[in-house]
Amino acid sequence: MKRLYIAFAGVVALSGAAAAADLSRPPPRPVYQAAPVVFPAYNWTGFYVGLNGGGGFGSSNWQAAGSDDISGGLFGGTVGYNYQFGQAVAGVEGDFDWSGIKGTTQNACPFGCQTSDSWISTVRGRLGYAADRYLPFVTGGAAFGNVRAGLPGFAQSSSTQTGWTLGGGLEVSLFANWTAKVEYLYVDLGSFNCGVNCGLGLVTDNVSFHTNILRAGLNYRF
């Protein structure tokens, strides 16, 4: 019996020592996990203004002298409004660009028959799909321009033409309210009768103007 008491006392002593050792240990440090950074989805709704620039290339057809290639740069301003519903974005955009697009042909025109455009303006609807900060879009509407035709350096006829345009592009949010875009537009300004100033002595000569525009732009949204 005495040995049993001694064994029991030893177990109690060991248990107490183990408990004391556990109490002396510092508790484990809690593990903290950083909260995930969540960026709010970009909203394309709002008015915006911007600048754009690029170039155009196409053709001008003279009824008597045939077709000639035209090309040149352009630069101007943009204003528009977008409204986003779900992931669809609908808007309207207008722009006015100075244009240096021109070309000359010498077919049946020894001194050269030149077609040029001094400015181009468009008023278009836009429809896009918002993939957060990326907006691919299609666009189309009315186009306007001042087309001139005649002998370079001599009398020329000019006409403010109304036509149509169709194209598409991609706009990307950069930071804060700034966005950048690239776009393509096909512009058809129809044709006009340039009269005796065409230099061919043909009062019935018609001149047409068609151009492909590639340009980039920078917009600020309010």
C-alpha atoms as a PDB file:
ATOM      1  CA  MET A   1       0.000   0.000   0.000  1.00  0.00           C
ATOM      2  CA  LYS A   2       2.827   2.355   0.868  1.00  0.00           C
ATOM      3  CA  ARG A   3       4.337   1.813  -2.581  1.00  0.00           C
ATOM      4  CA  LEU A   4       1.010   2.667  -4.204  1.00  0.00           C
ATOM      5  CA  TYR A   5       0.853   5.977  -2.342  1.00  0.00           C
ATOM      6  CA  ILE A   6       4.409   6.808  -3.374  1.00  0.00           C
ATOM      7  CA  ALA A   7       3.642   6.026  -7.055  1.00  0.00           C
ATOM      8  CA  PHE A   8       0.455   8.124  -6.973  1.00  0.00           C
ATOM      9  CA  ALA A   9       2.343  11.073  -5.436  1.00  0.00           C
ATOM     10  CA  GLY A  10       4.944  10.840  -8.186  1.00  0.00           C
ATOM     11  CA  VAL A  11       2.295  10.980 -10.939  1.00  0.00           C
ATOM     12  CA  VAL A  12       0.673  14.013  -9.296  1.00  0.00           C
ATOM     13  CA  ALA A  13       4.036  15.773  -9.033  1.00  0.00           C
ATOM     14  CA  LEU A  14       4.873  15.111 -12.673  1.00  0.00           C
ATOM     15  CA  SER A  15       1.424  16.323 -13.812  1.00  0.00           C
ATOM     16  CA  GLY A  16       1.862  19.535 -11.833  1.00  0.00           C
ATOM     17  CA  ALA A  17       5.286  20.146 -13.330  1.00  0.00           C
ATOM     18  CA  ALA A  18       3.952  19.633 -16.853  1.00  0.00           C
ATOM     19  CA  ALA A  19       1.065  22.003 -16.221  1.00  0.00           C
ATOM     20  CA  ALA A  20       3.426  24.612 -14.816  1.00  0.00           C
ATOM     21  CA  ALA A  21       5.640  24.276 -17.885  1.00  0.00           C
ATOM     22  CA  ASP A  22       2.623  24.766 -20.162  1.00  0.00           C
ATOM     23  CA  LEU A  23       1.561  27.867 -18.229  1.00  0.00           C
ATOM     24  CA  SER A  24       5.024  29.399 -18.574  1.00  0.00           C
ATOM     25  CA  ARG A  25       4.982  29.173 -22.391  1.00  0.00           C
ATOM     26  CA  PRO A  26       3.808  32.305 -24.264  1.00  0.00           C
ATOM     27  CA  PRO A  27       0.620  31.805 -26.264  1.00  0.00           C
ATOM     28  CA  PRO A  28       1.134  31.377 -30.028  1.00  0.00           C
ATOM     29  CA  ARG A  29       0.991  34.564 -32.047  1.00  0.00           C
ATOM     30  CA  PRO A  30      -2.160  35.005 -34.087  1.00  0.00           C
ATOM     31  CA  VAL A  31      -1.710  34.766 -37.846  1.00  0.00           C
ATOM     32  CA  TYR A  32      -3.106  37.794 -39.681  1.00  0.00           C
ATOM     33  CA  GLN A  33      -3.980  37.690 -43.371  1.00  0.00           C
ATOM     34  CA  ALA A  34      -4.060  40.880 -45.367  1.00  0.00           C
ATOM     35  CA  ALA A  35      -7.484  41.725 -46.692  1.00  0.00           C
ATOM     36  CA  PRO A  36      -7.685  41.327 -50.466  1.00  0.00           C
ATOM     37  CA  VAL A  37      -7.556  44.599 -52.420  1.00  0.00           C
ATOM     38  CA  VAL A  38     -10.799  45.036 -54.323  1.00  0.00           C
ATOM     39  CA  PHE A  39     -10.932  47.693 -57.045  1.00  0.00           C
ATOM     40  CA  PRO A  40     -14.392  48.970 -57.912  1.00  0.00           C
ATOM     41  CA  ALA A  41     -15.529  48.224 -61.467  1.00  0.00           C
ATOM     42  CA  TYR A  42     -14.864  51.135 -63.818  1.00  0.00           C
ATOM     43  CA  ASN A  43     -17.948  53.110 -64.820  1.00  0.00           C
ATOM     44  CA  TRP A  44     -17.940  54.705 -68.288  1.00  0.00           C
ATOM     45  CA  THR A  45     -20.935  56.984 -67.720  1.00  0.00           C
ATOM     46  CA  GLY A  46     -20.281  60.712 -68.149  1.00  0.00           C
ATOM     47  CA  PHE A  47     -19.339  63.594 -70.419  1.00  0.00           C
ATOM     48  CA  TYR A  48     -15.820  63.791 -71.824  1.00  0.00           C
ATOM     49  CA  VAL A  49     -13.592  66.024 -73.953  1.00  0.00           C
ATOM     50  CA  GLY A  50     -10.320  65.210 -75.632  1.00  0.00           C
ATOM     51  CA  LEU A  51      -7.786  65.545 -78.414  1.00  0.00           C
ATOM     52  CA  ASN A  52      -7.176  63.222 -81.342  1.00  0.00           C
ATOM     53  CA  GLY A  53      -4.691  62.897 -84.163  1.00  0.00           C
ATOM     54  CA  GLY A  54      -3.684  60.530 -86.915  1.00  0.00           C
ATOM     55  CA  GLY A  55      -3.810  60.179 -90.659  1.00  0.00           C
ATOM     56  CA  GLY A  56      -6.023  59.318 -93.591  1.00  0.00           C
ATOM     57  CA  PHE A  57      -5.572  57.560 -96.914  1.00  0.00           C
ATOM     58  CA  GLY A  58      -8.037  56.851 -99.688  1.00  0.00           C
ATOM     59  CA  SER A  59      -9.015  57.913-103.181  1.00  0.00           C
ATOM     60  CA  SER A  60     -10.644  60.686-105.154  1.00  0.00           C
ATOM     61  CA  ASN A  61     -12.260  59.944-108.498  1.00  0.00           C
ATOM     62  CA  TRP A  62     -12.491  62.533-111.283  1.00  0.00           C
ATOM     63  CA  GLN A  63     -15.093  61.796-113.927  1.00  0.00           C
ATOM     64  CA  ALA A  64     -12.733  62.864-116.728  1.00  0.00           C
ATOM     65  CA  ALA A  65      -9.255  62.378-115.196  1.00  0.00           C
ATOM     66  CA  GLY A  66      -9.821  59.111-113.388  1.00  0.00           C
ATOM     67  CA  SER A  67      -8.860  58.159-109.843  1.00  0.00           C
ATOM     68  CA  ASP A  68      -5.977  59.423-107.713  1.00  0.00           C
ATOM     69  CA  ASP A  69      -4.660  58.438-104.296  1.00  0.00           C
ATOM     70  CA  ILE A  70      -5.054  60.842-101.408  1.00  0.00           C
ATOM     71  CA  SER A  71      -3.335  60.877 -98.007  1.00  0.00           C
ATOM     72  CA  GLY A  72      -2.339  63.201 -95.193  1.00  0.00           C
ATOM     73  CA  GLY A  73      -2.528  63.942 -91.483  1.00  0.00           C
ATOM     74  CA  LEU A  74      -5.288  65.293 -89.276  1.00  0.00           C
ATOM     75  CA  PHE A  75      -5.586  66.701 -85.765  1.00  0.00           C
ATOM     76  CA  GLY A  76      -8.462  68.042 -83.699  1.00  0.00           C
ATOM     77  CA  GLY A  77     -10.778  67.857 -80.723  1.00  0.00           C
ATOM     78  CA  THR A  78     -13.486  65.509 -79.461  1.00  0.00           C
ATOM     79  CA  VAL A  79     -16.529  65.848 -77.217  1.00  0.00           C
ATOM     80  CA  GLY A  80     -18.973  63.126 -76.208  1.00  0.00           C
ATOM     81  CA  TYR A  81     -21.164  61.397 -73.650  1.00  0.00           C
ATOM     82  CA  ASN A  82     -21.393  57.743 -72.545  1.00  0.00           C
ATOM     83  CA  TYR A  83     -24.075  55.946 -70.570  1.00  0.00           C
ATOM     84  CA  GLN A  84     -23.356  52.493 -69.133  1.00  0.00           C
ATOM     85  CA  PHE A  85     -26.095  49.967 -68.329  1.00  0.00           C
ATOM     86  CA  GLY A  86     -24.810  46.603 -67.236  1.00  0.00           C
ATOM     87  CA  GLN A  87     -21.793  45.940 -69.423  1.00  0.00           C
ATOM     88  CA  ALA A  88     -23.220  47.760 -72.431  1.00  0.00           C
ATOM     89  CA  VAL A  89     -22.114  51.346 -73.102  1.00  0.00           C
ATOM     90  CA  ALA A  90     -24.041  53.619 -75.484  1.00  0.00           C
ATOM     91  CA  GLY A  91     -22.992  57.128 -76.364  1.00  0.00           C
ATOM     92  CA  VAL A  92     -22.719  59.932 -78.866  1.00  0.00           C
ATOM     93  CA  GLU A  93     -19.482  61.565 -80.007  1.00  0.00           C
ATOM     94  CA  GLY A  94     -18.571  64.528 -82.187  1.00  0.00           C
ATOM     95  CA  ASP A  95     -15.213  65.734 -83.453  1.00  0.00           C
ATOM     96  CA  PHE A  96     -13.692  68.424 -85.640  1.00  0.00           C
ATOM     97  CA  ASP A  97     -10.265  67.913 -87.238  1.00  0.00           C
ATOM     98  CA  TRP A  98      -7.974  69.998 -89.352  1.00  0.00           C
ATOM     99  CA  SER A  99      -7.097  67.864 -92.379  1.00  0.00           C
ATOM    100  CA  GLY A 100      -4.154  67.788 -94.753  1.00  0.00           C
ATOM    101  CA  ILE A 101      -5.498  64.894 -96.811  1.00  0.00           C
ATOM    102  CA  LYS A 102      -4.900  65.495-100.528  1.00  0.00           C
ATOM    103  CA  GLY A 103      -3.686  63.939-103.760  1.00  0.00           C
ATOM    104  CA  THR A 104      -2.945  64.830-107.399  1.00  0.00           C
ATOM    105  CA  THR A 105      -3.441  62.945-110.662  1.00  0.00           C
ATOM    106  CA  GLN A 106      -2.083  63.747-114.114  1.00  0.00           C
ATOM    107  CA  ASN A 107      -4.323  61.352-116.008  1.00  0.00           C
ATOM    108  CA  ALA A 108      -5.841  63.493-118.808  1.00  0.00           C
ATOM    109  CA  CYS A 109      -4.654  66.456-116.754  1.00  0.00           C
ATOM    110  CA  PRO A 110      -1.064  67.465-117.752  1.00  0.00           C
ATOM    111  CA  PHE A 111      -0.731  70.153-115.091  1.00  0.00           C
ATOM    112  CA  GLY A 112      -2.175  67.949-112.357  1.00  0.00           C
ATOM    113  CA  CYS A 113      -5.676  67.750-110.957  1.00  0.00           C
ATOM    114  CA  GLN A 114      -5.658  67.987-107.182  1.00  0.00           C
ATOM    115  CA  THR A 115      -8.261  66.978-104.619  1.00  0.00           C
ATOM    116  CA  SER A 116      -7.861  68.117-101.010  1.00  0.00           C
ATOM    117  CA  ASP A 117      -9.836  68.351 -97.806  1.00  0.00           C
ATOM    118  CA  SER A 118      -9.151  71.153 -95.302  1.00  0.00           C
ATOM    119  CA  TRP A 119     -11.282  69.826 -92.425  1.00  0.00           C
ATOM    120  CA  ILE A 120     -13.320  66.773 -91.441  1.00  0.00           C
ATOM    121  CA  SER A 121     -16.024  66.562 -88.782  1.00  0.00           C
ATOM    122  CA  THR A 122     -18.170  63.642 -87.666  1.00  0.00           C
ATOM    123  CA  VAL A 123     -21.204  63.163 -85.412  1.00  0.00           C
ATOM    124  CA  ARG A 124     -21.549  59.515 -84.468  1.00  0.00           C
ATOM    125  CA  GLY A 125     -23.286  57.080 -82.197  1.00  0.00           C
ATOM    126  CA  ARG A 126     -21.132  54.584 -80.277  1.00  0.00           C
ATOM    127  CA  LEU A 127     -21.987  51.182 -78.851  1.00  0.00           C
ATOM    128  CA  GLY A 128     -19.458  49.267 -76.764  1.00  0.00           C
ATOM    129  CA  TYR A 129     -18.956  46.393 -74.346  1.00  0.00           C
ATOM    130  CA  ALA A 130     -17.382  47.331 -70.995  1.00  0.00           C
ATOM    131  CA  ALA A 131     -14.795  44.756 -69.908  1.00  0.00           C
ATOM    132  CA  ASP A 132     -13.980  46.736 -66.754  1.00  0.00           C
ATOM    133  CA  ARG A 133     -11.350  49.265 -67.907  1.00  0.00           C
ATOM    134  CA  TYR A 134     -11.452  48.190 -71.563  1.00  0.00           C
ATOM    135  CA  LEU A 135     -14.134  49.328 -74.003  1.00  0.00           C
ATOM    136  CA  PRO A 136     -14.180  47.887 -77.539  1.00  0.00           C
ATOM    137  CA  PHE A 137     -16.791  49.722 -79.611  1.00  0.00           C
ATOM    138  CA  VAL A 138     -18.400  50.184 -83.002  1.00  0.00           C
ATOM    139  CA  THR A 139     -19.410  53.607 -84.260  1.00  0.00           C
ATOM    140  CA  GLY A 140     -21.182  55.256 -87.167  1.00  0.00           C
ATOM    141  CA  GLY A 141     -23.005  58.408 -88.228  1.00  0.00           C
ATOM    142  CA  ALA A 142     -22.716  61.541 -90.331  1.00  0.00           C
ATOM    143  CA  ALA A 143     -19.530  63.044 -91.759  1.00  0.00           C
ATOM    144  CA  PHE A 144     -18.801  66.544 -93.056  1.00  0.00           C
ATOM    145  CA  GLY A 145     -15.830  68.080 -94.848  1.00  0.00           C
ATOM    146  CA  ASN A 146     -14.600  70.867 -97.069  1.00  0.00           C
ATOM    147  CA  VAL A 147     -13.447  69.298-100.353  1.00  0.00           C
ATOM    148  CA  ARG A 148     -11.504  71.313-102.920  1.00  0.00           C
ATOM    149  CA  ALA A 149     -10.691  70.339-106.516  1.00  0.00           C
ATOM    150  CA  GLY A 150      -8.739  72.046-109.291  1.00  0.00           C
ATOM    151  CA  LEU A 151      -5.262  72.881-110.552  1.00  0.00           C
ATOM    152  CA  PRO A 152      -2.698  73.273-107.720  1.00  0.00           C
ATOM    153  CA  GLY A 153      -1.832  76.942-107.284  1.00  0.00           C
ATOM    154  CA  PHE A 154      -4.697  78.108-109.507  1.00  0.00           C
ATOM    155  CA  ALA A 155      -8.443  78.572-109.156  1.00  0.00           C
ATOM    156  CA  GLN A 156     -10.155  75.699-107.392  1.00  0.00           C
ATOM    157  CA  SER A 157     -13.743  74.829-106.596  1.00  0.00           C
ATOM    158  CA  SER A 158     -14.685  73.936-103.045  1.00  0.00           C
ATOM    159  CA  SER A 159     -17.759  72.357-101.534  1.00  0.00           C
ATOM    160  CA  THR A 160     -18.841  71.599 -97.977  1.00  0.00           C
ATOM    161  CA  GLN A 161     -19.837  67.972 -98.321  1.00  0.00           C
ATOM    162  CA  THR A 162     -22.123  65.814 -96.177  1.00  0.00           C
ATOM    163  CA  GLY A 163     -21.620  62.063 -96.125  1.00  0.00           C
ATOM    164  CA  TRP A 164     -21.394  59.107 -93.770  1.00  0.00           C
ATOM    165  CA  THR A 165     -18.840  57.262 -91.661  1.00  0.00           C
ATOM    166  CA  LEU A 166     -18.538  53.816 -90.092  1.00  0.00           C
ATOM    167  CA  GLY A 167     -15.828  52.229 -87.955  1.00  0.00           C
ATOM    168  CA  GLY A 168     -14.734  50.906 -84.591  1.00  0.00           C
ATOM    169  CA  GLY A 169     -11.998  51.000 -81.993  1.00  0.00           C
ATOM    170  CA  LEU A 170     -10.821  50.381 -78.447  1.00  0.00           C
ATOM    171  CA  GLU A 171     -10.793  52.769 -75.479  1.00  0.00           C
ATOM    172  CA  VAL A 172      -8.849  52.074 -72.266  1.00  0.00           C
ATOM    173  CA  SER A 173      -8.987  53.728 -68.843  1.00  0.00           C
ATOM    174  CA  LEU A 174      -5.510  54.932 -67.862  1.00  0.00           C
ATOM    175  CA  PHE A 175      -5.770  56.552 -64.416  1.00  0.00           C
ATOM    176  CA  ALA A 176      -8.275  58.752 -62.579  1.00  0.00           C
ATOM    177  CA  ASN A 177     -10.613  60.100 -65.274  1.00  0.00           C
ATOM    178  CA  TRP A 178      -8.211  59.841 -68.227  1.00  0.00           C
ATOM    179  CA  THR A 179      -8.774  57.395 -71.089  1.00  0.00           C
ATOM    180  CA  ALA A 180      -6.936  56.659 -74.327  1.00  0.00           C
ATOM    181  CA  LYS A 181      -8.367  55.283 -77.562  1.00  0.00           C
ATOM    182  CA  VAL A 182      -7.447  54.066 -81.017  1.00  0.00           C
ATOM    183  CA  GLU A 183     -10.030  53.953 -83.786  1.00  0.00           C
ATOM    184  CA  TYR A 184     -10.629  53.390 -87.475  1.00  0.00           C
ATOM    185  CA  LEU A 185     -13.210  55.299 -89.533  1.00  0.00           C
ATOM    186  CA  TYR A 186     -14.211  54.960 -93.171  1.00  0.00           C
ATOM    187  CA  VAL A 187     -15.472  58.327 -94.437  1.00  0.00           C
ATOM    188  CA  ASP A 188     -17.434  58.846 -97.663  1.00  0.00           C
ATOM    189  CA  LEU A 189     -18.077  62.511 -98.522  1.00  0.00           C
ATOM    190  CA  GLY A 190     -19.811  61.789-101.821  1.00  0.00           C
ATOM    191  CA  SER A 191     -19.048  63.852-104.945  1.00  0.00           C
ATOM    192  CA  PHE A 192     -19.608  67.350-106.314  1.00  0.00           C
ATOM    193  CA  ASN A 193     -19.395  69.169-109.633  1.00  0.00           C
ATOM    194  CA  CYS A 194     -16.217  71.245-109.632  1.00  0.00           C
ATOM    195  CA  GLY A 195     -17.195  73.218-112.766  1.00  0.00           C
ATOM    196  CA  VAL A 196     -14.749  75.149-114.972  1.00  0.00           C
ATOM    197  CA  ASN A 197     -12.216  75.504-112.132  1.00  0.00           C
ATOM    198  CA  CYS A 198     -11.342  71.832-112.519  1.00  0.00           C
ATOM    199  CA  GLY A 199      -8.930  72.943-115.237  1.00  0.00           C
ATOM    200  CA  LEU A 200     -10.276  70.518-117.827  1.00  0.00           C
ATOM    201  CA  GLY A 201     -12.822  72.846-119.359  1.00  0.00           C
ATOM    202  CA  LEU A 202     -15.557  70.386-118.434  1.00  0.00           C
ATOM    203  CA  VAL A 203     -18.405  71.912-116.470  1.00  0.00           C
ATOM    204  CA  THR A 204     -19.874  68.458-115.859  1.00  0.00           C
ATOM    205  CA  ASP A 205     -16.814  66.947-114.173  1.00  0.00           C
ATOM    206  CA  ASN A 206     -17.671  65.338-110.803  1.00  0.00           C
ATOM    207  CA  VAL A 207     -15.105  64.737-108.063  1.00  0.00           C
ATOM    208  CA  SER A 208     -15.577  62.229-105.237  1.00  0.00           C
ATOM    209  CA  PHE A 209     -13.767  61.884-101.896  1.00  0.00           C
ATOM    210  CA  HIS A 210     -13.341  58.698 -99.813  1.00  0.00           C
ATOM    211  CA  THR A 211     -10.832  58.177 -97.019  1.00  0.00           C
ATOM    212  CA  ASN A 212      -9.801  55.686 -94.332  1.00  0.00           C
ATOM    213  CA  ILE A 213      -8.878  57.348 -91.048  1.00  0.00           C
ATOM    214  CA  LEU A 214      -6.619  55.842 -88.393  1.00  0.00           C
ATOM    215  CA  ARG A 215      -6.166  57.939 -85.276  1.00  0.00           C
ATOM    216  CA  ALA A 216      -5.499  57.897 -81.548  1.00  0.00           C
ATOM    217  CA  GLY A 217      -7.027  60.088 -78.857  1.00  0.00           C
ATOM    218  CA  LEU A 218      -6.778  61.128 -75.217  1.00  0.00           C
ATOM    219  CA  ASN A 219      -9.996  61.958 -73.325  1.00  0.00           C
ATOM    220  CA  TYR A 220     -10.865  63.363 -69.908  1.00  0.00           C
ATOM    221  CA  ARG A 221     -14.190  62.245 -68.414  1.00  0.00           C
ATOM    222  CA  PHE A 222     -16.129  64.492 -66.019  1.00  0.00           C
END
